[in-house]
Amino acid sequence: MQQPLTAQEGLFFMIERSPEFTLLNERDAADILGFSVKTLQRRRWLRETPQFLKMGRKVRYRLSDLQQYIEESAVKPRVASIQ
């Protein structure tokens, strides 16, 4: 029989399985998006996407919000018409 997870193990399990619970600092978020940290800071100041969280003085980004931003940034190709 499997032993129950401790609270800390359960939290790590949820984070691994749930991107909405995975919080990243601005450096990690910038690396994922291919932006500089300054670009993310400017986008925050302008209230542009991606969405961010402000917890006290700390700024964090949900992994799920970064994934959504990337998906919404996709440019769909046009279908070429052959004449």
N, C-alpha and C. Protein backbone atom coordinates (compact mmCIF):
# COMPACT_ATOMS: atom_id res chain seq x y z
N MET A 1 0.84 -1.18 0.00
CA MET A 1 0.00 0.00 0.00
C MET A 1 0.89 1.25 0.00
N GLN A 2 0.49 2.23 -0.78
CA GLN A 2 1.27 3.44 -0.92
C GLN A 2 1.01 4.39 0.24
N GLN A 3 2.08 5.00 0.74
CA GLN A 3 1.95 5.94 1.85
C GLN A 3 1.36 7.25 1.34
N PRO A 4 0.55 7.93 2.14
CA PRO A 4 0.01 9.23 1.72
C PRO A 4 1.13 10.27 1.60
N LEU A 5 0.91 11.23 0.73
CA LEU A 5 1.88 12.29 0.52
C LEU A 5 1.86 13.28 1.67
N THR A 6 3.03 13.80 2.00
CA THR A 6 3.06 14.89 2.98
C THR A 6 2.52 16.15 2.29
N ALA A 7 2.26 17.18 3.06
CA ALA A 7 1.73 18.43 2.48
C ALA A 7 2.71 19.00 1.46
N GLN A 8 4.00 18.98 1.76
CA GLN A 8 4.99 19.53 0.84
C GLN A 8 5.08 18.68 -0.43
N GLU A 9 5.06 17.37 -0.31
CA GLU A 9 5.10 16.50 -1.49
C GLU A 9 3.85 16.71 -2.34
N GLY A 10 2.71 16.89 -1.70
CA GLY A 10 1.48 17.13 -2.43
C GLY A 10 1.53 18.43 -3.21
N LEU A 11 2.13 19.45 -2.60
CA LEU A 11 2.26 20.74 -3.28
C LEU A 11 3.15 20.59 -4.51
N PHE A 12 4.30 19.93 -4.37
CA PHE A 12 5.19 19.74 -5.52
C PHE A 12 4.51 18.92 -6.61
N PHE A 13 3.71 17.94 -6.22
CA PHE A 13 2.98 17.13 -7.19
C PHE A 13 2.00 17.99 -7.97
N MET A 14 1.27 18.89 -7.26
CA MET A 14 0.32 19.79 -7.92
C MET A 14 1.03 20.72 -8.90
N ILE A 15 2.17 21.26 -8.49
CA ILE A 15 2.90 22.19 -9.35
C ILE A 15 3.36 21.49 -10.62
N GLU A 16 3.87 20.27 -10.49
CA GLU A 16 4.32 19.52 -11.66
C GLU A 16 3.16 19.24 -12.61
N ARG A 17 1.99 19.02 -12.08
CA ARG A 17 0.84 18.65 -12.90
C ARG A 17 0.01 19.86 -13.34
N SER A 18 0.19 21.01 -12.69
CA SER A 18 -0.69 22.15 -12.93
C SER A 18 0.11 23.42 -13.22
N PRO A 19 0.23 23.80 -14.51
CA PRO A 19 0.97 25.03 -14.82
C PRO A 19 0.37 26.28 -14.20
N GLU A 20 -0.93 26.27 -13.88
CA GLU A 20 -1.54 27.46 -13.29
C GLU A 20 -1.03 27.72 -11.88
N PHE A 21 -0.40 26.71 -11.25
CA PHE A 21 0.17 26.89 -9.92
C PHE A 21 1.67 27.15 -9.96
N THR A 22 2.27 27.06 -11.13
CA THR A 22 3.71 27.27 -11.26
C THR A 22 3.97 28.75 -11.47
N LEU A 23 4.66 29.36 -10.50
CA LEU A 23 4.96 30.79 -10.57
C LEU A 23 6.43 30.99 -10.89
N LEU A 24 6.70 31.92 -11.80
CA LEU A 24 8.06 32.19 -12.24
C LEU A 24 8.42 33.64 -11.96
N ASN A 25 9.69 33.88 -11.66
CA ASN A 25 10.13 35.26 -11.50
C ASN A 25 10.33 35.88 -12.88
N GLU A 26 10.61 37.18 -12.93
CA GLU A 26 10.67 37.86 -14.23
C GLU A 26 11.84 37.38 -15.09
N ARG A 27 12.93 36.97 -14.49
CA ARG A 27 14.06 36.47 -15.27
C ARG A 27 13.71 35.17 -15.99
N ASP A 28 13.07 34.26 -15.26
CA ASP A 28 12.67 32.98 -15.87
C ASP A 28 11.59 33.21 -16.93
N ALA A 29 10.65 34.11 -16.65
CA ALA A 29 9.60 34.41 -17.62
C ALA A 29 10.19 35.02 -18.89
N ALA A 30 11.15 35.93 -18.72
CA ALA A 30 11.80 36.55 -19.87
C ALA A 30 12.54 35.51 -20.70
N ASP A 31 13.20 34.57 -20.05
CA ASP A 31 13.91 33.50 -20.77
C ASP A 31 12.94 32.66 -21.59
N ILE A 32 11.81 32.31 -21.01
CA ILE A 32 10.83 31.49 -21.72
C ILE A 32 10.29 32.23 -22.94
N LEU A 33 10.03 33.52 -22.79
CA LEU A 33 9.43 34.30 -23.88
C LEU A 33 10.45 34.83 -24.87
N GLY A 34 11.73 34.79 -24.52
CA GLY A 34 12.75 35.34 -25.40
C GLY A 34 12.82 36.85 -25.32
N PHE A 35 12.34 37.43 -24.21
CA PHE A 35 12.38 38.87 -23.98
C PHE A 35 13.53 39.18 -23.03
N SER A 36 13.91 40.44 -22.99
CA SER A 36 14.80 40.88 -21.93
C SER A 36 13.94 41.18 -20.70
N VAL A 37 14.58 41.22 -19.54
CA VAL A 37 13.86 41.58 -18.32
C VAL A 37 13.31 42.99 -18.44
N LYS A 38 14.07 43.89 -19.04
CA LYS A 38 13.62 45.28 -19.23
C LYS A 38 12.34 45.34 -20.08
N THR A 39 12.26 44.48 -21.12
CA THR A 39 11.06 44.46 -21.95
C THR A 39 9.85 44.04 -21.13
N LEU A 40 10.00 43.01 -20.30
CA LEU A 40 8.89 42.59 -19.43
C LEU A 40 8.50 43.70 -18.47
N GLN A 41 9.49 44.39 -17.91
CA GLN A 41 9.20 45.49 -16.99
C GLN A 41 8.43 46.60 -17.70
N ARG A 42 8.84 46.94 -18.92
CA ARG A 42 8.15 47.97 -19.69
C ARG A 42 6.71 47.54 -20.01
N ARG A 43 6.54 46.27 -20.39
CA ARG A 43 5.21 45.77 -20.72
C ARG A 43 4.31 45.80 -19.48
N ARG A 44 4.87 45.51 -18.31
CA ARG A 44 4.09 45.61 -17.06
C ARG A 44 3.66 47.04 -16.82
N TRP A 45 4.59 47.98 -16.98
CA TRP A 45 4.30 49.39 -16.74
C TRP A 45 3.20 49.87 -17.68
N LEU A 46 3.20 49.38 -18.91
CA LEU A 46 2.17 49.74 -19.90
C LEU A 46 0.90 48.90 -19.76
N ARG A 47 0.91 47.95 -18.82
CA ARG A 47 -0.21 47.02 -18.59
C ARG A 47 -0.52 46.19 -19.84
N GLU A 48 0.53 45.77 -20.52
CA GLU A 48 0.39 44.89 -21.68
C GLU A 48 0.55 43.44 -21.24
N THR A 49 0.14 42.53 -22.10
CA THR A 49 0.29 41.12 -21.80
C THR A 49 1.76 40.74 -21.88
N PRO A 50 2.18 39.69 -21.22
CA PRO A 50 1.40 38.69 -20.49
C PRO A 50 0.99 39.18 -19.10
N GLN A 51 -0.08 38.59 -18.63
CA GLN A 51 -0.61 38.90 -17.30
C GLN A 51 0.45 38.56 -16.25
N PHE A 52 0.47 39.32 -15.16
CA PHE A 52 1.42 39.07 -14.08
C PHE A 52 0.73 39.18 -12.74
N LEU A 53 1.39 38.69 -11.71
CA LEU A 53 0.88 38.76 -10.35
C LEU A 53 1.81 39.65 -9.53
N LYS A 54 1.24 40.44 -8.66
CA LYS A 54 2.02 41.28 -7.77
C LYS A 54 1.71 40.83 -6.35
N MET A 55 2.71 40.28 -5.67
CA MET A 55 2.53 39.78 -4.30
C MET A 55 3.50 40.56 -3.42
N GLY A 56 2.97 41.58 -2.76
CA GLY A 56 3.85 42.48 -2.03
C GLY A 56 4.72 43.22 -3.04
N ARG A 57 6.03 43.11 -2.88
CA ARG A 57 6.96 43.74 -3.82
C ARG A 57 7.39 42.79 -4.92
N LYS A 58 7.00 41.54 -4.80
CA LYS A 58 7.43 40.52 -5.77
C LYS A 58 6.49 40.48 -6.97
N VAL A 59 7.08 40.26 -8.14
CA VAL A 59 6.32 40.09 -9.38
C VAL A 59 6.52 38.64 -9.81
N ARG A 60 5.43 37.99 -10.14
CA ARG A 60 5.50 36.60 -10.59
C ARG A 60 4.61 36.43 -11.81
N TYR A 61 4.95 35.44 -12.60
CA TYR A 61 4.18 35.09 -13.80
C TYR A 61 3.76 33.63 -13.67
N ARG A 62 2.49 33.36 -13.95
CA ARG A 62 2.02 31.97 -14.00
C ARG A 62 2.51 31.35 -15.30
N LEU A 63 2.98 30.12 -15.22
CA LEU A 63 3.41 29.41 -16.42
C LEU A 63 2.24 29.30 -17.39
N SER A 64 1.04 29.08 -16.90
CA SER A 64 -0.13 28.96 -17.77
C SER A 64 -0.41 30.27 -18.51
N ASP A 65 -0.16 31.43 -17.87
CA ASP A 65 -0.35 32.72 -18.54
C ASP A 65 0.68 32.93 -19.65
N LEU A 66 1.91 32.47 -19.42
CA LEU A 66 2.94 32.57 -20.46
C LEU A 66 2.59 31.67 -21.64
N GLN A 67 2.10 30.47 -21.34
CA GLN A 67 1.69 29.56 -22.42
C GLN A 67 0.55 30.16 -23.23
N GLN A 68 -0.41 30.78 -22.55
CA GLN A 68 -1.54 31.41 -23.23
C GLN A 68 -1.05 32.57 -24.09
N TYR A 69 -0.13 33.38 -23.58
CA TYR A 69 0.42 34.50 -24.34
C TYR A 69 1.09 34.00 -25.62
N ILE A 70 1.86 32.93 -25.50
CA ILE A 70 2.54 32.36 -26.67
C ILE A 70 1.52 31.87 -27.69
N GLU A 71 0.49 31.17 -27.23
CA GLU A 71 -0.55 30.67 -28.14
C GLU A 71 -1.28 31.80 -28.84
N GLU A 72 -1.59 32.87 -28.11
CA GLU A 72 -2.32 34.00 -28.69
C GLU A 72 -1.45 34.80 -29.65
N SER A 73 -0.13 34.65 -29.56
CA SER A 73 0.79 35.37 -30.43
C SER A 73 1.02 34.66 -31.76
N ALA A 74 0.49 33.47 -31.89
CA ALA A 74 0.70 32.70 -33.12
C ALA A 74 0.03 33.40 -34.30
N VAL A 75 0.74 33.46 -35.40
CA VAL A 75 0.22 34.06 -36.63
C VAL A 75 -0.18 32.92 -37.56
N LYS A 76 -1.42 32.93 -37.95
CA LYS A 76 -1.91 31.86 -38.82
C LYS A 76 -1.55 32.20 -40.27
N PRO A 77 -0.99 31.25 -41.02
CA PRO A 77 -0.63 31.54 -42.41
C PRO A 77 -1.86 31.66 -43.28
N ARG A 78 -1.72 32.46 -44.33
CA ARG A 78 -2.81 32.59 -45.29
C ARG A 78 -2.77 31.40 -46.24
N VAL A 79 -3.92 31.03 -46.72
CA VAL A 79 -3.99 29.96 -47.71
C VAL A 79 -3.76 30.61 -49.06
N ALA A 80 -2.74 30.15 -49.76
CA ALA A 80 -2.42 30.72 -51.06
C ALA A 80 -3.46 30.27 -52.08
N SER A 81 -3.93 31.22 -52.87
CA SER A 81 -4.89 30.86 -53.92
C SER A 81 -4.10 30.67 -55.22
N ILE A 82 -4.35 29.57 -55.84
CA ILE A 82 -3.66 29.25 -57.10
C ILE A 82 -4.56 29.67 -58.26
N GLN A 83 -4.02 30.47 -59.15
CA GLN A 83 -4.83 30.96 -60.27
C GLN A 83 -4.27 30.47 -61.57
